[in-house]
Amino acid sequence: MDMIKVSANSRTSAVAGAIAGVVREHKRADVQAIGAGAVNQAVKALVLATGYLKGDDIHVVCVPEFVDVEIDGKVRTAIKLVVEPR
């Protein structure tokens, strides 16, 4: 299962569809965002995805975590949202 990476410019509906699809297929999705704008888009996409999944009677919970990622040789702190069925 791949990490769903979200940027500040990501389309929320596209990210929401990806989250819903991955949860349906793998029973879990990991969403990663770095920066306030990206976290904002990720959370909005998560709200949309919850609505998509409720239609399939899948109710999810989200557990946020801090993770360190290396980008261009520098370590950055990202927010990882772990989305799983309740």
PDB file of N, CA and C in Angstrom:
ATOM      1  N   MET A   1       0.841  -1.172   0.000  1.00  0.00           N
ATOM      2  CA  MET A   1       0.000   0.000   0.000  1.00  0.00           C
ATOM      3  C   MET A   1       0.886   1.235   0.000  1.00  0.00           C
ATOM      4  N   ASP A   2       0.597   2.172  -0.884  1.00  0.00           N
ATOM      5  CA  ASP A   2       1.375   3.390  -0.986  1.00  0.00           C
ATOM      6  C   ASP A   2       0.837   4.475  -0.066  1.00  0.00           C
ATOM      7  N   MET A   3       1.712   5.384   0.304  1.00  0.00           N
ATOM      8  CA  MET A   3       1.349   6.557   1.091  1.00  0.00           C
ATOM      9  C   MET A   3       0.658   7.546   0.151  1.00  0.00           C
ATOM     10  N   ILE A   4      -0.451   8.122   0.588  1.00  0.00           N
ATOM     11  CA  ILE A   4      -1.127   9.167  -0.182  1.00  0.00           C
ATOM     12  C   ILE A   4      -0.510  10.485   0.260  1.00  0.00           C
ATOM     13  N   LYS A   5       0.222  11.134  -0.640  1.00  0.00           N
ATOM     14  CA  LYS A   5       0.912  12.378  -0.301  1.00  0.00           C
ATOM     15  C   LYS A   5       0.078  13.553  -0.782  1.00  0.00           C
ATOM     16  N   VAL A   6      -0.131  14.502   0.121  1.00  0.00           N
ATOM     17  CA  VAL A   6      -0.992  15.647  -0.163  1.00  0.00           C
ATOM     18  C   VAL A   6      -0.158  16.916  -0.110  1.00  0.00           C
ATOM     19  N   SER A   7      -0.353  17.792  -1.088  1.00  0.00           N
ATOM     20  CA  SER A   7       0.299  19.101  -1.077  1.00  0.00           C
ATOM     21  C   SER A   7      -0.767  20.180  -0.904  1.00  0.00           C
ATOM     22  N   ALA A   8      -0.328  21.395  -0.733  1.00  0.00           N
ATOM     23  CA  ALA A   8      -1.265  22.513  -0.575  1.00  0.00           C
ATOM     24  C   ALA A   8      -2.086  22.728  -1.841  1.00  0.00           C
ATOM     25  N   ASN A   9      -1.585  22.251  -2.975  1.00  0.00           N
ATOM     26  CA  ASN A   9      -2.277  22.421  -4.259  1.00  0.00           C
ATOM     27  C   ASN A   9      -3.100  21.211  -4.684  1.00  0.00           C
ATOM     28  N   SER A  10      -3.156  20.186  -3.840  1.00  0.00           N
ATOM     29  CA  SER A  10      -3.913  18.976  -4.178  1.00  0.00           C
ATOM     30  C   SER A  10      -5.408  19.273  -4.236  1.00  0.00           C
ATOM     31  N   ARG A  11      -6.093  18.634  -5.186  1.00  0.00           N
ATOM     32  CA  ARG A  11      -7.554  18.751  -5.272  1.00  0.00           C
ATOM     33  C   ARG A  11      -8.178  17.869  -4.203  1.00  0.00           C
ATOM     34  N   THR A  12      -8.994  18.463  -3.342  1.00  0.00           N
ATOM     35  CA  THR A  12      -9.558  17.698  -2.233  1.00  0.00           C
ATOM     36  C   THR A  12     -10.401  16.520  -2.710  1.00  0.00           C
ATOM     37  N   SER A  13     -11.169  16.713  -3.782  1.00  0.00           N
ATOM     38  CA  SER A  13     -12.019  15.614  -4.260  1.00  0.00           C
ATOM     39  C   SER A  13     -11.182  14.445  -4.775  1.00  0.00           C
ATOM     40  N   ALA A  14     -10.059  14.741  -5.415  1.00  0.00           N
ATOM     41  CA  ALA A  14      -9.188  13.672  -5.915  1.00  0.00           C
ATOM     42  C   ALA A  14      -8.545  12.915  -4.752  1.00  0.00           C
ATOM     43  N   VAL A  15      -8.086  13.647  -3.745  1.00  0.00           N
ATOM     44  CA  VAL A  15      -7.483  13.007  -2.579  1.00  0.00           C
ATOM     45  C   VAL A  15      -8.534  12.187  -1.827  1.00  0.00           C
ATOM     46  N   ALA A  16      -9.744  12.733  -1.700  1.00  0.00           N
ATOM     47  CA  ALA A  16     -10.831  12.010  -1.023  1.00  0.00           C
ATOM     48  C   ALA A  16     -11.138  10.703  -1.742  1.00  0.00           C
ATOM     49  N   GLY A  17     -11.181  10.739  -3.051  1.00  0.00           N
ATOM     50  CA  GLY A  17     -11.425   9.522  -3.827  1.00  0.00           C
ATOM     51  C   GLY A  17     -10.318   8.508  -3.625  1.00  0.00           C
ATOM     52  N   ALA A  18      -9.069   8.993  -3.560  1.00  0.00           N
ATOM     53  CA  ALA A  18      -7.941   8.088  -3.330  1.00  0.00           C
ATOM     54  C   ALA A  18      -8.026   7.459  -1.943  1.00  0.00           C
ATOM     55  N   ILE A  19      -8.350   8.255  -0.934  1.00  0.00           N
ATOM     56  CA  ILE A  19      -8.478   7.726   0.426  1.00  0.00           C
ATOM     57  C   ILE A  19      -9.571   6.662   0.477  1.00  0.00           C
ATOM     58  N   ALA A  20     -10.735   6.976  -0.076  1.00  0.00           N
ATOM     59  CA  ALA A  20     -11.854   6.033  -0.063  1.00  0.00           C
ATOM     60  C   ALA A  20     -11.495   4.743  -0.802  1.00  0.00           C
ATOM     61  N   GLY A  21     -10.866   4.879  -1.951  1.00  0.00           N
ATOM     62  CA  GLY A  21     -10.489   3.702  -2.736  1.00  0.00           C
ATOM     63  C   GLY A  21      -9.491   2.815  -2.010  1.00  0.00           C
ATOM     64  N   VAL A  22      -8.496   3.426  -1.379  1.00  0.00           N
ATOM     65  CA  VAL A  22      -7.482   2.648  -0.666  1.00  0.00           C
ATOM     66  C   VAL A  22      -8.098   1.974   0.561  1.00  0.00           C
ATOM     67  N   VAL A  23      -8.969   2.667   1.275  1.00  0.00           N
ATOM     68  CA  VAL A  23      -9.621   2.055   2.443  1.00  0.00           C
ATOM     69  C   VAL A  23     -10.482   0.874   2.006  1.00  0.00           C
ATOM     70  N   ARG A  24     -11.206   1.032   0.907  1.00  0.00           N
ATOM     71  CA  ARG A  24     -12.043  -0.079   0.410  1.00  0.00           C
ATOM     72  C   ARG A  24     -11.188  -1.292   0.049  1.00  0.00           C
ATOM     73  N   GLU A  25     -10.044  -1.033  -0.585  1.00  0.00           N
ATOM     74  CA  GLU A  25      -9.208  -2.125  -1.078  1.00  0.00           C
ATOM     75  C   GLU A  25      -8.312  -2.730   0.002  1.00  0.00           C
ATOM     76  N   HIS A  26      -7.678  -1.878   0.824  1.00  0.00           N
ATOM     77  CA  HIS A  26      -6.677  -2.358   1.775  1.00  0.00           C
ATOM     78  C   HIS A  26      -7.121  -2.288   3.239  1.00  0.00           C
ATOM     79  N   LYS A  27      -8.332  -1.768   3.494  1.00  0.00           N
ATOM     80  CA  LYS A  27      -8.864  -1.625   4.855  1.00  0.00           C
ATOM     81  C   LYS A  27      -8.069  -0.634   5.699  1.00  0.00           C
ATOM     82  N   ARG A  28      -7.275   0.225   5.066  1.00  0.00           N
ATOM     83  CA  ARG A  28      -6.475   1.228   5.775  1.00  0.00           C
ATOM     84  C   ARG A  28      -5.851   2.156   4.748  1.00  0.00           C
ATOM     85  N   ALA A  29      -5.695   3.427   5.112  1.00  0.00           N
ATOM     86  CA  ALA A  29      -5.006   4.382   4.241  1.00  0.00           C
ATOM     87  C   ALA A  29      -4.094   5.250   5.090  1.00  0.00           C
ATOM     88  N   ASP A  30      -2.906   5.543   4.569  1.00  0.00           N
ATOM     89  CA  ASP A  30      -1.968   6.453   5.214  1.00  0.00           C
ATOM     90  C   ASP A  30      -1.866   7.703   4.349  1.00  0.00           C
ATOM     91  N   VAL A  31      -2.132   8.853   4.949  1.00  0.00           N
ATOM     92  CA  VAL A  31      -2.118  10.128   4.240  1.00  0.00           C
ATOM     93  C   VAL A  31      -1.024  10.980   4.871  1.00  0.00           C
ATOM     94  N   GLN A  32      -0.160  11.565   4.038  1.00  0.00           N
ATOM     95  CA  GLN A  32       0.953  12.358   4.556  1.00  0.00           C
ATOM     96  C   GLN A  32       0.889  13.773   4.010  1.00  0.00           C
ATOM     97  N   ALA A  33       1.132  14.758   4.894  1.00  0.00           N
ATOM     98  CA  ALA A  33       1.117  16.157   4.488  1.00  0.00           C
ATOM     99  C   ALA A  33       2.198  16.916   5.243  1.00  0.00           C
ATOM    100  N   ILE A  34       2.855  17.848   4.540  1.00  0.00           N
ATOM    101  CA  ILE A  34       3.880  18.685   5.151  1.00  0.00           C
ATOM    102  C   ILE A  34       3.476  20.135   4.944  1.00  0.00           C
ATOM    103  N   GLY A  35       3.304  20.858   6.035  1.00  0.00           N
ATOM    104  CA  GLY A  35       2.940  22.268   5.964  1.00  0.00           C
ATOM    105  C   GLY A  35       1.454  22.482   6.210  1.00  0.00           C
ATOM    106  N   ALA A  36       1.134  23.690   6.634  1.00  0.00           N
ATOM    107  CA  ALA A  36      -0.242  24.016   7.015  1.00  0.00           C
ATOM    108  C   ALA A  36      -1.226  23.868   5.859  1.00  0.00           C
ATOM    109  N   GLY A  37      -0.865  24.337   4.683  1.00  0.00           N
ATOM    110  CA  GLY A  37      -1.768  24.243   3.532  1.00  0.00           C
ATOM    111  C   GLY A  37      -2.046  22.806   3.139  1.00  0.00           C
ATOM    112  N   ALA A  38      -1.017  21.973   3.185  1.00  0.00           N
ATOM    113  CA  ALA A  38      -1.182  20.560   2.835  1.00  0.00           C
ATOM    114  C   ALA A  38      -2.027  19.830   3.875  1.00  0.00           C
ATOM    115  N   VAL A  39      -1.806  20.141   5.149  1.00  0.00           N
ATOM    116  CA  VAL A  39      -2.602  19.511   6.208  1.00  0.00           C
ATOM    117  C   VAL A  39      -4.067  19.921   6.064  1.00  0.00           C
ATOM    118  N   ASN A  40      -4.305  21.186   5.739  1.00  0.00           N
ATOM    119  CA  ASN A  40      -5.663  21.668   5.516  1.00  0.00           C
ATOM    120  C   ASN A  40      -6.347  20.879   4.398  1.00  0.00           C
ATOM    121  N   GLN A  41      -5.679  20.703   3.272  1.00  0.00           N
ATOM    122  CA  GLN A  41      -6.245  19.951   2.156  1.00  0.00           C
ATOM    123  C   GLN A  41      -6.485  18.497   2.545  1.00  0.00           C
ATOM    124  N   ALA A  42      -5.567  17.913   3.311  1.00  0.00           N
ATOM    125  CA  ALA A  42      -5.703  16.516   3.719  1.00  0.00           C
ATOM    126  C   ALA A  42      -6.915  16.321   4.627  1.00  0.00           C
ATOM    127  N   VAL A  43      -7.118  17.247   5.566  1.00  0.00           N
ATOM    128  CA  VAL A  43      -8.244  17.119   6.490  1.00  0.00           C
ATOM    129  C   VAL A  43      -9.566  17.312   5.742  1.00  0.00           C
ATOM    130  N   LYS A  44      -9.620  18.283   4.829  1.00  0.00           N
ATOM    131  CA  LYS A  44     -10.838  18.472   4.039  1.00  0.00           C
ATOM    132  C   LYS A  44     -11.131  17.236   3.191  1.00  0.00           C
ATOM    133  N   ALA A  45     -10.093  16.630   2.616  1.00  0.00           N
ATOM    134  CA  ALA A  45     -10.273  15.413   1.827  1.00  0.00           C
ATOM    135  C   ALA A  45     -10.751  14.262   2.699  1.00  0.00           C
ATOM    136  N   LEU A  46     -10.255  14.202   3.923  1.00  0.00           N
ATOM    137  CA  LEU A  46     -10.678  13.153   4.851  1.00  0.00           C
ATOM    138  C   LEU A  46     -12.165  13.278   5.168  1.00  0.00           C
ATOM    139  N   VAL A  47     -12.639  14.502   5.348  1.00  0.00           N
ATOM    140  CA  VAL A  47     -14.068  14.717   5.615  1.00  0.00           C
ATOM    141  C   VAL A  47     -14.899  14.240   4.422  1.00  0.00           C
ATOM    142  N   LEU A  48     -14.467  14.582   3.208  1.00  0.00           N
ATOM    143  CA  LEU A  48     -15.189  14.112   2.014  1.00  0.00           C
ATOM    144  C   LEU A  48     -15.156  12.585   1.910  1.00  0.00           C
ATOM    145  N   ALA A  49     -13.987  12.000   2.165  1.00  0.00           N
ATOM    146  CA  ALA A  49     -13.838  10.546   2.054  1.00  0.00           C
ATOM    147  C   ALA A  49     -14.736   9.825   3.046  1.00  0.00           C
ATOM    148  N   THR A  50     -14.892  10.395   4.247  1.00  0.00           N
ATOM    149  CA  THR A  50     -15.785   9.760   5.235  1.00  0.00           C
ATOM    150  C   THR A  50     -17.199   9.692   4.687  1.00  0.00           C
ATOM    151  N   GLY A  51     -17.627  10.752   4.013  1.00  0.00           N
ATOM    152  CA  GLY A  51     -18.955  10.746   3.396  1.00  0.00           C
ATOM    153  C   GLY A  51     -19.069   9.699   2.303  1.00  0.00           C
ATOM    154  N   TYR A  52     -18.024   9.592   1.466  1.00  0.00           N
ATOM    155  CA  TYR A  52     -18.033   8.582   0.393  1.00  0.00           C
ATOM    156  C   TYR A  52     -18.148   7.181   0.991  1.00  0.00           C
ATOM    157  N   LEU A  53     -17.389   6.922   2.053  1.00  0.00           N
ATOM    158  CA  LEU A  53     -17.350   5.583   2.636  1.00  0.00           C
ATOM    159  C   LEU A  53     -18.622   5.252   3.417  1.00  0.00           C
ATOM    160  N   LYS A  54     -19.273   6.260   3.996  1.00  0.00           N
ATOM    161  CA  LYS A  54     -20.526   6.005   4.708  1.00  0.00           C
ATOM    162  C   LYS A  54     -21.568   5.425   3.773  1.00  0.00           C
ATOM    163  N   GLY A  55     -21.525   5.828   2.513  1.00  0.00           N
ATOM    164  CA  GLY A  55     -22.441   5.274   1.515  1.00  0.00           C
ATOM    165  C   GLY A  55     -22.274   3.774   1.343  1.00  0.00           C
ATOM    166  N   ASP A  56     -21.089   3.266   1.645  1.00  0.00           N
ATOM    167  CA  ASP A  56     -20.803   1.829   1.574  1.00  0.00           C
ATOM    168  C   ASP A  56     -20.860   1.185   2.960  1.00  0.00           C
ATOM    169  N   ASP A  57     -21.403   1.918   3.931  1.00  0.00           N
ATOM    170  CA  ASP A  57     -21.510   1.462   5.318  1.00  0.00           C
ATOM    171  C   ASP A  57     -20.142   1.144   5.922  1.00  0.00           C
ATOM    172  N   ILE A  58     -19.131   1.944   5.546  1.00  0.00           N
ATOM    173  CA  ILE A  58     -17.797   1.838   6.140  1.00  0.00           C
ATOM    174  C   ILE A  58     -17.590   3.108   6.953  1.00  0.00           C
ATOM    175  N   HIS A  59     -17.452   2.955   8.248  1.00  0.00           N
ATOM    176  CA  HIS A  59     -17.242   4.092   9.142  1.00  0.00           C
ATOM    177  C   HIS A  59     -15.777   4.079   9.564  1.00  0.00           C
ATOM    178  N   VAL A  60     -15.090   5.208   9.396  1.00  0.00           N
ATOM    179  CA  VAL A  60     -13.649   5.248   9.642  1.00  0.00           C
ATOM    180  C   VAL A  60     -13.296   6.170  10.804  1.00  0.00           C
ATOM    181  N   VAL A  61     -12.131   5.908  11.362  1.00  0.00           N
ATOM    182  CA  VAL A  61     -11.529   6.783  12.362  1.00  0.00           C
ATOM    183  C   VAL A  61     -10.163   7.201  11.826  1.00  0.00           C
ATOM    184  N   CYS A  62      -9.662   8.321  12.342  1.00  0.00           N
ATOM    185  CA  CYS A  62      -8.374   8.840  11.907  1.00  0.00           C
ATOM    186  C   CYS A  62      -7.480   9.054  13.118  1.00  0.00           C
ATOM    187  N   VAL A  63      -6.269   8.554  13.027  1.00  0.00           N
ATOM    188  CA  VAL A  63      -5.285   8.740  14.091  1.00  0.00           C
ATOM    189  C   VAL A  63      -4.119   9.548  13.505  1.00  0.00           C
ATOM    190  N   PRO A  64      -3.933  10.789  13.960  1.00  0.00           N
ATOM    191  CA  PRO A  64      -2.822  11.596  13.444  1.00  0.00           C
ATOM    192  C   PRO A  64      -1.509  11.263  14.148  1.00  0.00           C
ATOM    193  N   GLU A  65      -0.411  11.320  13.402  1.00  0.00           N
ATOM    194  CA  GLU A  65       0.915  11.046  13.957  1.00  0.00           C
ATOM    195  C   GLU A  65       1.917  12.024  13.350  1.00  0.00           C
ATOM    196  N   PHE A  66       2.988  12.308  14.078  1.00  0.00           N
ATOM    197  CA  PHE A  66       4.123  13.027  13.513  1.00  0.00           C
ATOM    198  C   PHE A  66       5.080  11.991  12.929  1.00  0.00           C
ATOM    199  N   VAL A  67       5.655  12.286  11.773  1.00  0.00           N
ATOM    200  CA  VAL A  67       6.683  11.431  11.182  1.00  0.00           C
ATOM    201  C   VAL A  67       7.776  12.324  10.608  1.00  0.00           C
ATOM    202  N   ASP A  68       8.994  11.850  10.669  1.00  0.00           N
ATOM    203  CA  ASP A  68      10.109  12.566  10.055  1.00  0.00           C
ATOM    204  C   ASP A  68      10.346  11.996   8.668  1.00  0.00           C
ATOM    205  N   VAL A  69      10.446  12.876   7.675  1.00  0.00           N
ATOM    206  CA  VAL A  69      10.721  12.459   6.303  1.00  0.00           C
ATOM    207  C   VAL A  69      11.924  13.236   5.791  1.00  0.00           C
ATOM    208  N   GLU A  70      12.695  12.602   4.920  1.00  0.00           N
ATOM    209  CA  GLU A  70      13.861  13.268   4.360  1.00  0.00           C
ATOM    210  C   GLU A  70      13.543  13.750   2.952  1.00  0.00           C
ATOM    211  N   ILE A  71      13.725  15.044   2.724  1.00  0.00           N
ATOM    212  CA  ILE A  71      13.483  15.649   1.420  1.00  0.00           C
ATOM    213  C   ILE A  71      14.711  16.472   1.059  1.00  0.00           C
ATOM    214  N   ASP A  72      15.330  16.140  -0.065  1.00  0.00           N
ATOM    215  CA  ASP A  72      16.538  16.841  -0.527  1.00  0.00           C
ATOM    216  C   ASP A  72      17.622  16.875   0.546  1.00  0.00           C
ATOM    217  N   GLY A  73      17.792  15.779   1.259  1.00  0.00           N
ATOM    218  CA  GLY A  73      18.830  15.679   2.264  1.00  0.00           C
ATOM    219  C   GLY A  73      18.507  16.349   3.585  1.00  0.00           C
ATOM    220  N   LYS A  74      17.324  16.929   3.701  1.00  0.00           N
ATOM    221  CA  LYS A  74      16.923  17.588   4.946  1.00  0.00           C
ATOM    222  C   LYS A  74      15.760  16.832   5.577  1.00  0.00           C
ATOM    223  N   VAL A  75      15.753  16.746   6.896  1.00  0.00           N
ATOM    224  CA  VAL A  75      14.683  16.061   7.609  1.00  0.00           C
ATOM    225  C   VAL A  75      13.575  17.067   7.908  1.00  0.00           C
ATOM    226  N   ARG A  76      12.360  16.717   7.512  1.00  0.00           N
ATOM    227  CA  ARG A  76      11.185  17.563   7.752  1.00  0.00           C
ATOM    228  C   ARG A  76      10.191  16.760   8.575  1.00  0.00           C
ATOM    229  N   THR A  77       9.381  17.467   9.345  1.00  0.00           N
ATOM    230  CA  THR A  77       8.330  16.809  10.114  1.00  0.00           C
ATOM    231  C   THR A  77       7.033  16.882   9.330  1.00  0.00           C
ATOM    232  N   ALA A  78       6.416  15.726   9.157  1.00  0.00           N
ATOM    233  CA  ALA A  78       5.152  15.638   8.419  1.00  0.00           C
ATOM    234  C   ALA A  78       4.054  15.164   9.367  1.00  0.00           C
ATOM    235  N   ILE A  79       2.832  15.399   8.951  1.00  0.00           N
ATOM    236  CA  ILE A  79       1.677  14.851   9.649  1.00  0.00           C
ATOM    237  C   ILE A  79       1.224  13.633   8.852  1.00  0.00           C
ATOM    238  N   LYS A  80       1.068  12.531   9.531  1.00  0.00           N
ATOM    239  CA  LYS A  80       0.558  11.310   8.901  1.00  0.00           C
ATOM    240  C   LYS A  80      -0.808  11.028   9.507  1.00  0.00           C
ATOM    241  N   LEU A  81      -1.795  10.872   8.651  1.00  0.00           N
ATOM    242  CA  LEU A  81      -3.147  10.538   9.088  1.00  0.00           C
ATOM    243  C   LEU A  81      -3.397   9.072   8.756  1.00  0.00           C
ATOM    244  N   VAL A  82      -3.585   8.267   9.777  1.00  0.00           N
ATOM    245  CA  VAL A  82      -3.871   6.845   9.582  1.00  0.00           C
ATOM    246  C   VAL A  82      -5.393   6.696   9.620  1.00  0.00           C
ATOM    247  N   VAL A  83      -5.951   6.236   8.506  1.00  0.00           N
ATOM    248  CA  VAL A  83      -7.410   6.124   8.363  1.00  0.00           C
ATOM    249  C   VAL A  83      -7.758   4.640   8.317  1.00  0.00           C
ATOM    250  N   GLU A  84      -8.602   4.213   9.284  1.00  0.00           N
ATOM    251  CA  GLU A  84      -8.971   2.793   9.380  1.00  0.00           C
ATOM    252  C   GLU A  84     -10.463   2.670   9.690  1.00  0.00           C
ATOM    253  N   PRO A  85     -11.057   1.555   9.312  1.00  0.00           N
ATOM    254  CA  PRO A  85     -12.472   1.333   9.694  1.00  0.00           C
ATOM    255  C   PRO A  85     -12.612   1.256  11.203  1.00  0.00           C
ATOM    256  N   ARG A  86     -13.744   1.753  11.683  1.00  0.00           N
ATOM    257  CA  ARG A  86     -14.024   1.722  13.117  1.00  0.00           C
ATOM    258  C   ARG A  86     -14.466   0.341  13.506  1.00  0.00           C
TER     259      ARG A  86
END
